[in-house]
């Protein structure tokens, strides 16, 4: 979860929630084929380390990413939330009995993975 403002910038007092879908990640068997597909589909598909980053034309935000895997599947969803809400999110997940995962090496330690 990232700390990014909503388009309206509005927050509802006392309400805990996410404000956006930051990105989604897919695994695909062939990154080269995925790059060709998404380029033809009209997205800006650029290799980045061991992944393919997908942006809309003229927009720097990475809306999706693809990594190599045995089959096509959804790898994860990343939602945006305000940084000051993160402790409440952690407590809410704990109260609900939802197990959380540690951040991967080099990953964003402020986010919550579950």
PDB file of N, CA and C in Angstrom:
ATOM      1  N   UNK A   1       0.846  -1.167   0.000  1.00  0.00           N
ATOM      2  CA  UNK A   1       0.000   0.000   0.000  1.00  0.00           C
ATOM      3  C   UNK A   1       0.892   1.231   0.000  1.00  0.00           C
ATOM      4  N   UNK A   2       0.552   2.165  -0.794  1.00  0.00           N
ATOM      5  CA  UNK A   2       1.367   3.365  -0.914  1.00  0.00           C
ATOM      6  C   UNK A   2       0.611   4.572  -0.403  1.00  0.00           C
ATOM      7  N   UNK A   3       1.342   5.578  -0.015  1.00  0.00           N
ATOM      8  CA  UNK A   3       0.735   6.821   0.467  1.00  0.00           C
ATOM      9  C   UNK A   3       0.628   7.780  -0.703  1.00  0.00           C
ATOM     10  N   UNK A   4      -0.494   7.768  -1.377  1.00  0.00           N
ATOM     11  CA  UNK A   4      -0.722   8.654  -2.503  1.00  0.00           C
ATOM     12  C   UNK A   4      -2.080   9.319  -2.335  1.00  0.00           C
ATOM     13  N   UNK A   5      -2.191  10.592  -2.717  1.00  0.00           N
ATOM     14  CA  UNK A   5      -3.483  11.259  -2.580  1.00  0.00           C
ATOM     15  C   UNK A   5      -4.488  10.725  -3.589  1.00  0.00           C
ATOM     16  N   UNK A   6      -5.745  10.791  -3.231  1.00  0.00           N
ATOM     17  CA  UNK A   6      -6.798  10.446  -4.177  1.00  0.00           C
ATOM     18  C   UNK A   6      -6.935  11.578  -5.182  1.00  0.00           C
ATOM     19  N   UNK A   7      -7.647  11.342  -6.260  1.00  0.00           N
ATOM     20  CA  UNK A   7      -7.847  12.400  -7.260  1.00  0.00           C
ATOM     21  C   UNK A   7      -8.562  13.604  -6.660  1.00  0.00           C
ATOM     22  N   UNK A   8      -9.475  13.340  -5.751  1.00  0.00           N
ATOM     23  CA  UNK A   8     -10.206  14.456  -5.136  1.00  0.00           C
ATOM     24  C   UNK A   8      -9.476  14.980  -3.913  1.00  0.00           C
ATOM     25  N   UNK A   9      -8.573  14.172  -3.368  1.00  0.00           N
ATOM     26  CA  UNK A   9      -7.849  14.569  -2.166  1.00  0.00           C
ATOM     27  C   UNK A   9      -8.703  14.460  -0.908  1.00  0.00           C
ATOM     28  N   UNK A  10      -9.931  13.962  -1.035  1.00  0.00           N
ATOM     29  CA  UNK A  10     -10.860  13.916   0.099  1.00  0.00           C
ATOM     30  C   UNK A  10     -10.616  12.681   0.954  1.00  0.00           C
ATOM     31  N   UNK A  11     -10.703  12.866   2.246  1.00  0.00           N
ATOM     32  CA  UNK A  11     -10.655  11.766   3.195  1.00  0.00           C
ATOM     33  C   UNK A  11     -11.914  11.865   4.036  1.00  0.00           C
ATOM     34  N   UNK A  12     -12.453  10.722   4.400  1.00  0.00           N
ATOM     35  CA  UNK A  12     -13.623  10.703   5.260  1.00  0.00           C
ATOM     36  C   UNK A  12     -13.154  10.489   6.693  1.00  0.00           C
ATOM     37  N   UNK A  13     -13.442  11.429   7.544  1.00  0.00           N
ATOM     38  CA  UNK A  13     -13.011  11.376   8.938  1.00  0.00           C
ATOM     39  C   UNK A  13     -13.500  10.096   9.597  1.00  0.00           C
ATOM     40  N   UNK A  14     -12.589   9.405  10.285  1.00  0.00           N
ATOM     41  CA  UNK A  14     -12.952   8.212  11.031  1.00  0.00           C
ATOM     42  C   UNK A  14     -13.150   6.966  10.198  1.00  0.00           C
ATOM     43  N   UNK A  15     -12.925   7.050   8.883  1.00  0.00           N
ATOM     44  CA  UNK A  15     -13.136   5.902   8.008  1.00  0.00           C
ATOM     45  C   UNK A  15     -11.777   5.341   7.583  1.00  0.00           C
ATOM     46  N   UNK A  16     -11.595   4.050   7.789  1.00  0.00           N
ATOM     47  CA  UNK A  16     -10.378   3.359   7.390  1.00  0.00           C
ATOM     48  C   UNK A  16     -10.642   2.674   6.057  1.00  0.00           C
ATOM     49  N   UNK A  17      -9.817   2.952   5.074  1.00  0.00           N
ATOM     50  CA  UNK A  17     -10.010   2.320   3.777  1.00  0.00           C
ATOM     51  C   UNK A  17      -8.887   2.645   2.818  1.00  0.00           C
ATOM     52  N   UNK A  18      -8.874   1.943   1.715  1.00  0.00           N
ATOM     53  CA  UNK A  18      -7.904   2.221   0.671  1.00  0.00           C
ATOM     54  C   UNK A  18      -8.485   3.298  -0.248  1.00  0.00           C
ATOM     55  N   UNK A  19      -7.604   4.040  -0.914  1.00  0.00           N
ATOM     56  CA  UNK A  19      -8.101   5.084  -1.806  1.00  0.00           C
ATOM     57  C   UNK A  19      -7.919   4.761  -3.277  1.00  0.00           C
ATOM     58  N   UNK A  20      -7.165   3.707  -3.617  1.00  0.00           N
ATOM     59  CA  UNK A  20      -6.954   3.421  -5.030  1.00  0.00           C
ATOM     60  C   UNK A  20      -6.352   2.039  -5.226  1.00  0.00           C
ATOM     61  N   UNK A  21      -6.416   1.576  -6.459  1.00  0.00           N
ATOM     62  CA  UNK A  21      -5.659   0.405  -6.879  1.00  0.00           C
ATOM     63  C   UNK A  21      -4.363   0.962  -7.444  1.00  0.00           C
ATOM     64  N   UNK A  22      -3.257   0.675  -6.798  1.00  0.00           N
ATOM     65  CA  UNK A  22      -1.969   1.209  -7.241  1.00  0.00           C
ATOM     66  C   UNK A  22      -1.470   0.467  -8.475  1.00  0.00           C
ATOM     67  N   UNK A  23      -1.427  -0.854  -8.413  1.00  0.00           N
ATOM     68  CA  UNK A  23      -1.022  -1.658  -9.568  1.00  0.00           C
ATOM     69  C   UNK A  23      -1.430  -3.109  -9.347  1.00  0.00           C
ATOM     70  N   UNK A  24      -1.332  -3.882 -10.422  1.00  0.00           N
ATOM     71  CA  UNK A  24      -1.492  -5.326 -10.310  1.00  0.00           C
ATOM     72  C   UNK A  24      -0.294  -5.980 -10.967  1.00  0.00           C
ATOM     73  N   UNK A  25      -0.012  -7.214 -10.575  1.00  0.00           N
ATOM     74  CA  UNK A  25       1.129  -7.937 -11.129  1.00  0.00           C
ATOM     75  C   UNK A  25       0.667  -9.294 -11.648  1.00  0.00           C
ATOM     76  N   UNK A  26       1.209  -9.657 -12.797  1.00  0.00           N
ATOM     77  CA  UNK A  26       0.902 -10.930 -13.436  1.00  0.00           C
ATOM     78  C   UNK A  26       2.181 -11.723 -13.624  1.00  0.00           C
ATOM     79  N   UNK A  27       2.078 -13.045 -13.600  1.00  0.00           N
ATOM     80  CA  UNK A  27       3.175 -13.878 -14.073  1.00  0.00           C
ATOM     81  C   UNK A  27       2.776 -14.383 -15.450  1.00  0.00           C
ATOM     82  N   UNK A  28       3.753 -14.449 -16.340  1.00  0.00           N
ATOM     83  CA  UNK A  28       3.535 -14.892 -17.717  1.00  0.00           C
ATOM     84  C   UNK A  28       4.702 -15.791 -18.131  1.00  0.00           C
ATOM     85  N   UNK A  29       4.464 -16.752 -19.017  1.00  0.00           N
ATOM     86  CA  UNK A  29       5.539 -17.653 -19.428  1.00  0.00           C
ATOM     87  C   UNK A  29       6.618 -16.976 -20.278  1.00  0.00           C
ATOM     88  N   UNK A  30       6.269 -15.907 -21.004  1.00  0.00           N
ATOM     89  CA  UNK A  30       7.214 -15.294 -21.942  1.00  0.00           C
ATOM     90  C   UNK A  30       7.097 -13.771 -21.875  1.00  0.00           C
ATOM     91  N   UNK A  31       8.095 -13.112 -21.265  1.00  0.00           N
ATOM     92  CA  UNK A  31       8.052 -11.648 -21.133  1.00  0.00           C
ATOM     93  C   UNK A  31       8.132 -10.949 -22.477  1.00  0.00           C
ATOM     94  N   UNK A  32       8.883 -11.503 -23.432  1.00  0.00           N
ATOM     95  CA  UNK A  32       8.981 -10.903 -24.763  1.00  0.00           C
ATOM     96  C   UNK A  32       7.639 -10.900 -25.481  1.00  0.00           C
ATOM     97  N   UNK A  33       6.928 -12.004 -25.398  1.00  0.00           N
ATOM     98  CA  UNK A  33       5.596 -12.102 -26.000  1.00  0.00           C
ATOM     99  C   UNK A  33       4.627 -11.147 -25.304  1.00  0.00           C
ATOM    100  N   UNK A  34       4.730 -11.053 -23.976  1.00  0.00           N
ATOM    101  CA  UNK A  34       3.877 -10.125 -23.224  1.00  0.00           C
ATOM    102  C   UNK A  34       4.165  -8.686 -23.646  1.00  0.00           C
ATOM    103  N   UNK A  35       5.436  -8.335 -23.813  1.00  0.00           N
ATOM    104  CA  UNK A  35       5.781  -6.976 -24.232  1.00  0.00           C
ATOM    105  C   UNK A  35       5.181  -6.667 -25.602  1.00  0.00           C
ATOM    106  N   UNK A  36       5.300  -7.597 -26.527  1.00  0.00           N
ATOM    107  CA  UNK A  36       4.720  -7.398 -27.860  1.00  0.00           C
ATOM    108  C   UNK A  36       3.199  -7.229 -27.773  1.00  0.00           C
ATOM    109  N   UNK A  37       2.535  -8.088 -26.983  1.00  0.00           N
ATOM    110  CA  UNK A  37       1.083  -8.005 -26.838  1.00  0.00           C
ATOM    111  C   UNK A  37       0.661  -6.657 -26.281  1.00  0.00           C
ATOM    112  N   UNK A  38       1.267  -6.244 -25.162  1.00  0.00           N
ATOM    113  CA  UNK A  38       0.841  -4.997 -24.520  1.00  0.00           C
ATOM    114  C   UNK A  38       1.212  -3.771 -25.344  1.00  0.00           C
ATOM    115  N   UNK A  39       2.331  -3.819 -26.066  1.00  0.00           N
ATOM    116  CA  UNK A  39       2.658  -2.726 -26.996  1.00  0.00           C
ATOM    117  C   UNK A  39       1.581  -2.604 -28.073  1.00  0.00           C
ATOM    118  N   UNK A  40       1.172  -3.733 -28.652  1.00  0.00           N
ATOM    119  CA  UNK A  40       0.119  -3.714 -29.670  1.00  0.00           C
ATOM    120  C   UNK A  40      -1.232  -3.324 -29.089  1.00  0.00           C
ATOM    121  N   UNK A  41      -1.427  -3.606 -27.821  1.00  0.00           N
ATOM    122  CA  UNK A  41      -2.660  -3.264 -27.131  1.00  0.00           C
ATOM    123  C   UNK A  41      -2.735  -1.764 -26.849  1.00  0.00           C
ATOM    124  N   UNK A  42      -1.581  -1.064 -26.974  1.00  0.00           N
ATOM    125  CA  UNK A  42      -1.564   0.384 -26.797  1.00  0.00           C
ATOM    126  C   UNK A  42      -0.930   0.861 -25.505  1.00  0.00           C
ATOM    127  N   UNK A  43      -0.357  -0.054 -24.743  1.00  0.00           N
ATOM    128  CA  UNK A  43       0.317   0.344 -23.509  1.00  0.00           C
ATOM    129  C   UNK A  43       1.804   0.554 -23.759  1.00  0.00           C
ATOM    130  N   UNK A  44       2.447   1.280 -22.885  1.00  0.00           N
ATOM    131  CA  UNK A  44       3.889   1.475 -22.934  1.00  0.00           C
ATOM    132  C   UNK A  44       4.509   0.376 -22.083  1.00  0.00           C
ATOM    133  N   UNK A  45       4.979  -0.698 -22.718  1.00  0.00           N
ATOM    134  CA  UNK A  45       5.533  -1.862 -22.027  1.00  0.00           C
ATOM    135  C   UNK A  45       7.051  -1.796 -22.082  1.00  0.00           C
ATOM    136  N   UNK A  46       7.689  -1.614 -20.925  1.00  0.00           N
ATOM    137  CA  UNK A  46       9.139  -1.440 -20.861  1.00  0.00           C
ATOM    138  C   UNK A  46       9.779  -2.459 -19.931  1.00  0.00           C
ATOM    139  N   UNK A  47      10.850  -3.133 -20.403  1.00  0.00           N
ATOM    140  CA  UNK A  47      11.583  -4.043 -19.520  1.00  0.00           C
ATOM    141  C   UNK A  47      12.200  -3.269 -18.352  1.00  0.00           C
ATOM    142  N   UNK A  48      12.182  -3.871 -17.172  1.00  0.00           N
ATOM    143  CA  UNK A  48      12.775  -3.274 -15.968  1.00  0.00           C
ATOM    144  C   UNK A  48      13.269  -4.410 -15.086  1.00  0.00           C
ATOM    145  N   UNK A  49      14.586  -4.554 -14.962  1.00  0.00           N
ATOM    146  CA  UNK A  49      15.194  -5.660 -14.194  1.00  0.00           C
ATOM    147  C   UNK A  49      14.633  -6.976 -14.717  1.00  0.00           C
ATOM    148  N   UNK A  50      14.010  -7.784 -13.864  1.00  0.00           N
ATOM    149  CA  UNK A  50      13.448  -9.077 -14.282  1.00  0.00           C
ATOM    150  C   UNK A  50      11.950  -8.997 -14.497  1.00  0.00           C
ATOM    151  N   UNK A  51      11.465  -7.829 -14.906  1.00  0.00           N
ATOM    152  CA  UNK A  51      10.024  -7.636 -15.054  1.00  0.00           C
ATOM    153  C   UNK A  51       9.738  -6.779 -16.281  1.00  0.00           C
ATOM    154  N   UNK A  52       8.476  -6.658 -16.572  1.00  0.00           N
ATOM    155  CA  UNK A  52       7.986  -5.781 -17.631  1.00  0.00           C
ATOM    156  C   UNK A  52       7.034  -4.801 -16.964  1.00  0.00           C
ATOM    157  N   UNK A  53       7.308  -3.506 -17.064  1.00  0.00           N
ATOM    158  CA  UNK A  53       6.446  -2.487 -16.460  1.00  0.00           C
ATOM    159  C   UNK A  53       5.493  -1.949 -17.508  1.00  0.00           C
ATOM    160  N   UNK A  54       4.235  -1.841 -17.142  1.00  0.00           N
ATOM    161  CA  UNK A  54       3.194  -1.364 -18.058  1.00  0.00           C
ATOM    162  C   UNK A  54       2.678  -0.012 -17.593  1.00  0.00           C
ATOM    163  N   UNK A  55       2.765   0.945 -18.510  1.00  0.00           N
ATOM    164  CA  UNK A  55       2.269   2.301 -18.249  1.00  0.00           C
ATOM    165  C   UNK A  55       1.306   2.674 -19.368  1.00  0.00           C
ATOM    166  N   UNK A  56       0.421   3.623 -19.089  1.00  0.00           N
ATOM    167  CA  UNK A  56      -0.377   4.188 -20.167  1.00  0.00           C
ATOM    168  C   UNK A  56       0.499   5.228 -20.858  1.00  0.00           C
ATOM    169  N   UNK A  57       0.237   5.488 -22.127  1.00  0.00           N
ATOM    170  CA  UNK A  57       1.056   6.413 -22.905  1.00  0.00           C
ATOM    171  C   UNK A  57       1.087   7.785 -22.243  1.00  0.00           C
ATOM    172  N   UNK A  58       2.286   8.319 -22.027  1.00  0.00           N
ATOM    173  CA  UNK A  58       2.434   9.654 -21.468  1.00  0.00           C
ATOM    174  C   UNK A  58       2.279   9.747 -19.963  1.00  0.00           C
ATOM    175  N   UNK A  59       2.151   8.597 -19.287  1.00  0.00           N
ATOM    176  CA  UNK A  59       1.970   8.594 -17.835  1.00  0.00           C
ATOM    177  C   UNK A  59       3.083   7.758 -17.223  1.00  0.00           C
ATOM    178  N   UNK A  60       3.802   8.293 -16.256  1.00  0.00           N
ATOM    179  CA  UNK A  60       4.929   7.609 -15.655  1.00  0.00           C
ATOM    180  C   UNK A  60       4.577   6.540 -14.633  1.00  0.00           C
ATOM    181  N   UNK A  61       3.311   6.474 -14.207  1.00  0.00           N
ATOM    182  CA  UNK A  61       2.926   5.498 -13.188  1.00  0.00           C
ATOM    183  C   UNK A  61       2.933   4.087 -13.764  1.00  0.00           C
ATOM    184  N   UNK A  62       3.499   3.136 -13.036  1.00  0.00           N
ATOM    185  CA  UNK A  62       3.455   1.721 -13.427  1.00  0.00           C
ATOM    186  C   UNK A  62       2.126   1.150 -12.937  1.00  0.00           C
ATOM    187  N   UNK A  63       1.215   0.912 -13.873  1.00  0.00           N
ATOM    188  CA  UNK A  63      -0.125   0.420 -13.547  1.00  0.00           C
ATOM    189  C   UNK A  63      -0.146  -1.088 -13.379  1.00  0.00           C
ATOM    190  N   UNK A  64       0.797  -1.761 -14.049  1.00  0.00           N
ATOM    191  CA  UNK A  64       0.868  -3.217 -13.965  1.00  0.00           C
ATOM    192  C   UNK A  64       2.298  -3.651 -14.226  1.00  0.00           C
ATOM    193  N   UNK A  65       2.609  -4.850 -13.793  1.00  0.00           N
ATOM    194  CA  UNK A  65       3.912  -5.416 -14.097  1.00  0.00           C
ATOM    195  C   UNK A  65       3.750  -6.899 -14.355  1.00  0.00           C
ATOM    196  N   UNK A  66       4.637  -7.423 -15.189  1.00  0.00           N
ATOM    197  CA  UNK A  66       4.658  -8.849 -15.490  1.00  0.00           C
ATOM    198  C   UNK A  66       6.021  -9.400 -15.100  1.00  0.00           C
ATOM    199  N   UNK A  67       6.012 -10.569 -14.498  1.00  0.00           N
ATOM    200  CA  UNK A  67       7.239 -11.293 -14.214  1.00  0.00           C
ATOM    201  C   UNK A  67       7.112 -12.681 -14.837  1.00  0.00           C
ATOM    202  N   UNK A  68       8.254 -13.322 -15.064  1.00  0.00           N
ATOM    203  CA  UNK A  68       8.248 -14.648 -15.688  1.00  0.00           C
ATOM    204  C   UNK A  68       7.769 -15.698 -14.700  1.00  0.00           C
ATOM    205  N   UNK A  69       6.933 -16.585 -15.195  1.00  0.00           N
ATOM    206  CA  UNK A  69       6.423 -17.688 -14.388  1.00  0.00           C
ATOM    207  C   UNK A  69       5.952 -18.804 -15.293  1.00  0.00           C
ATOM    208  N   UNK A  70       5.664 -19.958 -14.722  1.00  0.00           N
ATOM    209  CA  UNK A  70       5.277 -21.117 -15.527  1.00  0.00           C
ATOM    210  C   UNK A  70       3.957 -20.929 -16.255  1.00  0.00           C
ATOM    211  N   UNK A  71       3.039 -20.190 -15.637  1.00  0.00           N
ATOM    212  CA  UNK A  71       1.729 -19.989 -16.271  1.00  0.00           C
ATOM    213  C   UNK A  71       1.242 -18.570 -16.039  1.00  0.00           C
ATOM    214  N   UNK A  72       0.290 -18.153 -16.857  1.00  0.00           N
ATOM    215  CA  UNK A  72      -0.304 -16.823 -16.669  1.00  0.00           C
ATOM    216  C   UNK A  72      -1.199 -16.867 -15.444  1.00  0.00           C
ATOM    217  N   UNK A  73      -0.940 -15.928 -14.537  1.00  0.00           N
ATOM    218  CA  UNK A  73      -1.800 -15.828 -13.354  1.00  0.00           C
ATOM    219  C   UNK A  73      -1.588 -14.487 -12.674  1.00  0.00           C
ATOM    220  N   UNK A  74      -2.565 -14.117 -11.873  1.00  0.00           N
ATOM    221  CA  UNK A  74      -2.451 -12.916 -11.060  1.00  0.00           C
ATOM    222  C   UNK A  74      -1.475 -13.194  -9.937  1.00  0.00           C
ATOM    223  N   UNK A  75      -0.447 -12.348  -9.795  1.00  0.00           N
ATOM    224  CA  UNK A  75       0.552 -12.526  -8.738  1.00  0.00           C
ATOM    225  C   UNK A  75       0.158 -11.751  -7.487  1.00  0.00           C
ATOM    226  N   UNK A  76      -0.245 -10.494  -7.661  1.00  0.00           N
ATOM    227  CA  UNK A  76      -0.704  -9.717  -6.511  1.00  0.00           C
ATOM    228  C   UNK A  76      -1.420  -8.453  -6.958  1.00  0.00           C
ATOM    229  N   UNK A  77      -2.126  -7.862  -6.007  1.00  0.00           N
ATOM    230  CA  UNK A  77      -2.761  -6.556  -6.172  1.00  0.00           C
ATOM    231  C   UNK A  77      -2.128  -5.623  -5.156  1.00  0.00           C
ATOM    232  N   UNK A  78      -1.909  -4.378  -5.534  1.00  0.00           N
ATOM    233  CA  UNK A  78      -1.364  -3.385  -4.609  1.00  0.00           C
ATOM    234  C   UNK A  78      -2.347  -2.225  -4.531  1.00  0.00           C
ATOM    235  N   UNK A  79      -2.832  -1.969  -3.324  1.00  0.00           N
ATOM    236  CA  UNK A  79      -3.788  -0.893  -3.099  1.00  0.00           C
ATOM    237  C   UNK A  79      -3.095   0.293  -2.451  1.00  0.00           C
ATOM    238  N   UNK A  80      -3.578   1.487  -2.707  1.00  0.00           N
ATOM    239  CA  UNK A  80      -3.040   2.696  -2.108  1.00  0.00           C
ATOM    240  C   UNK A  80      -3.829   3.083  -0.865  1.00  0.00           C
ATOM    241  N   UNK A  81      -3.107   3.495   0.162  1.00  0.00           N
ATOM    242  CA  UNK A  81      -3.721   3.953   1.408  1.00  0.00           C
ATOM    243  C   UNK A  81      -2.855   5.072   1.973  1.00  0.00           C
ATOM    244  N   UNK A  82      -3.411   5.849   2.860  1.00  0.00           N
ATOM    245  CA  UNK A  82      -2.658   6.929   3.490  1.00  0.00           C
ATOM    246  C   UNK A  82      -1.706   6.358   4.533  1.00  0.00           C
ATOM    247  N   UNK A  83      -0.488   6.876   4.587  1.00  0.00           N
ATOM    248  CA  UNK A  83       0.557   6.364   5.482  1.00  0.00           C
ATOM    249  C   UNK A  83       0.119   6.382   6.945  1.00  0.00           C
ATOM    250  N   UNK A  84      -0.592   7.407   7.338  1.00  0.00           N
ATOM    251  CA  UNK A  84      -0.988   7.482   8.754  1.00  0.00           C
ATOM    252  C   UNK A  84      -2.088   6.482   9.113  1.00  0.00           C
ATOM    253  N   UNK A  85      -2.694   5.820   8.123  1.00  0.00           N
ATOM    254  CA  UNK A  85      -3.686   4.776   8.382  1.00  0.00           C
ATOM    255  C   UNK A  85      -3.059   3.386   8.541  1.00  0.00           C
ATOM    256  N   UNK A  86      -1.792   3.232   8.186  1.00  0.00           N
ATOM    257  CA  UNK A  86      -1.175   1.911   8.177  1.00  0.00           C
ATOM    258  C   UNK A  86      -1.191   1.214   9.550  1.00  0.00           C
ATOM    259  N   UNK A  87      -0.910   1.898  10.650  1.00  0.00           N
ATOM    260  CA  UNK A  87      -0.998   1.201  11.950  1.00  0.00           C
ATOM    261  C   UNK A  87      -2.412   0.662  12.224  1.00  0.00           C
ATOM    262  N   UNK A  88      -3.433   1.427  11.844  1.00  0.00           N
ATOM    263  CA  UNK A  88      -4.817   0.965  12.035  1.00  0.00           C
ATOM    264  C   UNK A  88      -5.120  -0.227  11.133  1.00  0.00           C
ATOM    265  N   UNK A  89      -4.584  -0.226   9.902  1.00  0.00           N
ATOM    266  CA  UNK A  89      -4.762  -1.383   9.012  1.00  0.00           C
ATOM    267  C   UNK A  89      -4.129  -2.624   9.630  1.00  0.00           C
ATOM    268  N   UNK A  90      -2.907  -2.482  10.156  1.00  0.00           N
ATOM    269  CA  UNK A  90      -2.229  -3.623  10.776  1.00  0.00           C
ATOM    270  C   UNK A  90      -3.066  -4.176  11.942  1.00  0.00           C
ATOM    271  N   UNK A  91      -3.566  -3.284  12.778  1.00  0.00           N
ATOM    272  CA  UNK A  91      -4.369  -3.702  13.925  1.00  0.00           C
ATOM    273  C   UNK A  91      -5.669  -4.366  13.466  1.00  0.00           C
ATOM    274  N   UNK A  92      -6.302  -3.823  12.455  1.00  0.00           N
ATOM    275  CA  UNK A  92      -7.556  -4.395  11.936  1.00  0.00           C
ATOM    276  C   UNK A  92      -7.322  -5.808  11.399  1.00  0.00           C
ATOM    277  N   UNK A  93      -6.250  -6.000  10.646  1.00  0.00           N
ATOM    278  CA  UNK A  93      -5.938  -7.332  10.119  1.00  0.00           C
ATOM    279  C   UNK A  93      -5.661  -8.311  11.259  1.00  0.00           C
ATOM    280  N   UNK A  94      -4.932  -7.853  12.282  1.00  0.00           N
ATOM    281  CA  UNK A  94      -4.639  -8.694  13.439  1.00  0.00           C
ATOM    282  C   UNK A  94      -5.933  -9.092  14.144  1.00  0.00           C
ATOM    283  N   UNK A  95      -6.838  -8.136  14.343  1.00  0.00           N
ATOM    284  CA  UNK A  95      -8.126  -8.397  14.982  1.00  0.00           C
ATOM    285  C   UNK A  95      -8.930  -9.424  14.197  1.00  0.00           C
ATOM    286  N   UNK A  96      -8.839  -9.357  12.870  1.00  0.00           N
ATOM    287  CA  UNK A  96      -9.572 -10.295  12.014  1.00  0.00           C
ATOM    288  C   UNK A  96      -8.877 -11.643  11.876  1.00  0.00           C
ATOM    289  N   UNK A  97      -7.666 -11.761  12.442  1.00  0.00           N
ATOM    290  CA  UNK A  97      -6.931 -13.021  12.349  1.00  0.00           C
ATOM    291  C   UNK A  97      -6.254 -13.235  11.008  1.00  0.00           C
ATOM    292  N   UNK A  98      -6.028 -12.159  10.270  1.00  0.00           N
ATOM    293  CA  UNK A  98      -5.378 -12.264   8.961  1.00  0.00           C
ATOM    294  C   UNK A  98      -3.868 -12.244   9.160  1.00  0.00           C
ATOM    295  N   UNK A  99      -3.196 -13.278   8.696  1.00  0.00           N
ATOM    296  CA  UNK A  99      -1.739 -13.354   8.804  1.00  0.00           C
ATOM    297  C   UNK A  99      -1.098 -12.390   7.812  1.00  0.00           C
ATOM    298  N   UNK A 100      -0.059 -11.710   8.253  1.00  0.00           N
ATOM    299  CA  UNK A 100       0.681 -10.815   7.368  1.00  0.00           C
ATOM    300  C   UNK A 100       2.028 -11.439   7.039  1.00  0.00           C
ATOM    301  N   UNK A 101       2.606 -11.004   5.939  1.00  0.00           N
ATOM    302  CA  UNK A 101       3.885 -11.514   5.458  1.00  0.00           C
ATOM    303  C   UNK A 101       4.943 -10.430   5.553  1.00  0.00           C
ATOM    304  N   UNK A 102       6.202 -10.806   5.755  1.00  0.00           N
ATOM    305  CA  UNK A 102       7.262  -9.796   5.783  1.00  0.00           C
ATOM    306  C   UNK A 102       7.503  -9.241   4.383  1.00  0.00           C
ATOM    307  N   UNK A 103       8.038  -8.030   4.327  1.00  0.00           N
ATOM    308  CA  UNK A 103       8.383  -7.431   3.038  1.00  0.00           C
ATOM    309  C   UNK A 103       9.521  -8.230   2.419  1.00  0.00           C
ATOM    310  N   UNK A 104       9.501  -8.417   1.094  1.00  0.00           N
ATOM    311  CA  UNK A 104      10.611  -9.120   0.453  1.00  0.00           C
ATOM    312  C   UNK A 104      11.890  -8.288   0.550  1.00  0.00           C
ATOM    313  N   UNK A 105      13.016  -8.938   0.428  1.00  0.00           N
ATOM    314  CA  UNK A 105      14.302  -8.255   0.479  1.00  0.00           C
ATOM    315  C   UNK A 105      14.311  -7.111  -0.521  1.00  0.00           C
ATOM    316  N   UNK A 106      14.582  -5.918  -0.038  1.00  0.00           N
ATOM    317  CA  UNK A 106      14.582  -4.745  -0.903  1.00  0.00           C
ATOM    318  C   UNK A 106      13.209  -4.164  -1.155  1.00  0.00           C
ATOM    319  N   UNK A 107      12.165  -4.763  -0.570  1.00  0.00           N
ATOM    320  CA  UNK A 107      10.803  -4.306  -0.771  1.00  0.00           C
ATOM    321  C   UNK A 107      10.434  -3.158   0.167  1.00  0.00           C
ATOM    322  N   UNK A 108       9.283  -2.600  -0.053  1.00  0.00           N
ATOM    323  CA  UNK A 108       8.759  -1.491   0.746  1.00  0.00           C
ATOM    324  C   UNK A 108       8.355  -2.006   2.126  1.00  0.00           C
ATOM    325  N   UNK A 109       9.102  -1.632   3.158  1.00  0.00           N
ATOM    326  CA  UNK A 109       8.818  -2.130   4.505  1.00  0.00           C
ATOM    327  C   UNK A 109       7.620  -1.433   5.146  1.00  0.00           C
ATOM    328  N   UNK A 110       7.127  -0.348   4.568  1.00  0.00           N
ATOM    329  CA  UNK A 110       5.950   0.342   5.110  1.00  0.00           C
ATOM    330  C   UNK A 110       4.642  -0.275   4.638  1.00  0.00           C
ATOM    331  N   UNK A 111       4.709  -1.142   3.640  1.00  0.00           N
ATOM    332  CA  UNK A 111       3.492  -1.745   3.121  1.00  0.00           C
ATOM    333  C   UNK A 111       3.098  -2.955   3.967  1.00  0.00           C
ATOM    334  N   UNK A 112       1.890  -3.437   3.752  1.00  0.00           N
ATOM    335  CA  UNK A 112       1.380  -4.614   4.446  1.00  0.00           C
ATOM    336  C   UNK A 112       1.068  -5.664   3.393  1.00  0.00           C
ATOM    337  N   UNK A 113       1.607  -6.842   3.592  1.00  0.00           N
ATOM    338  CA  UNK A 113       1.337  -7.954   2.676  1.00  0.00           C
ATOM    339  C   UNK A 113       0.563  -9.023   3.440  1.00  0.00           C
ATOM    340  N   UNK A 114      -0.526  -9.498   2.822  1.00  0.00           N
ATOM    341  CA  UNK A 114      -1.319 -10.543   3.471  1.00  0.00           C
ATOM    342  C   UNK A 114      -1.946 -11.427   2.430  1.00  0.00           C
TER     343      UNK A 114
END
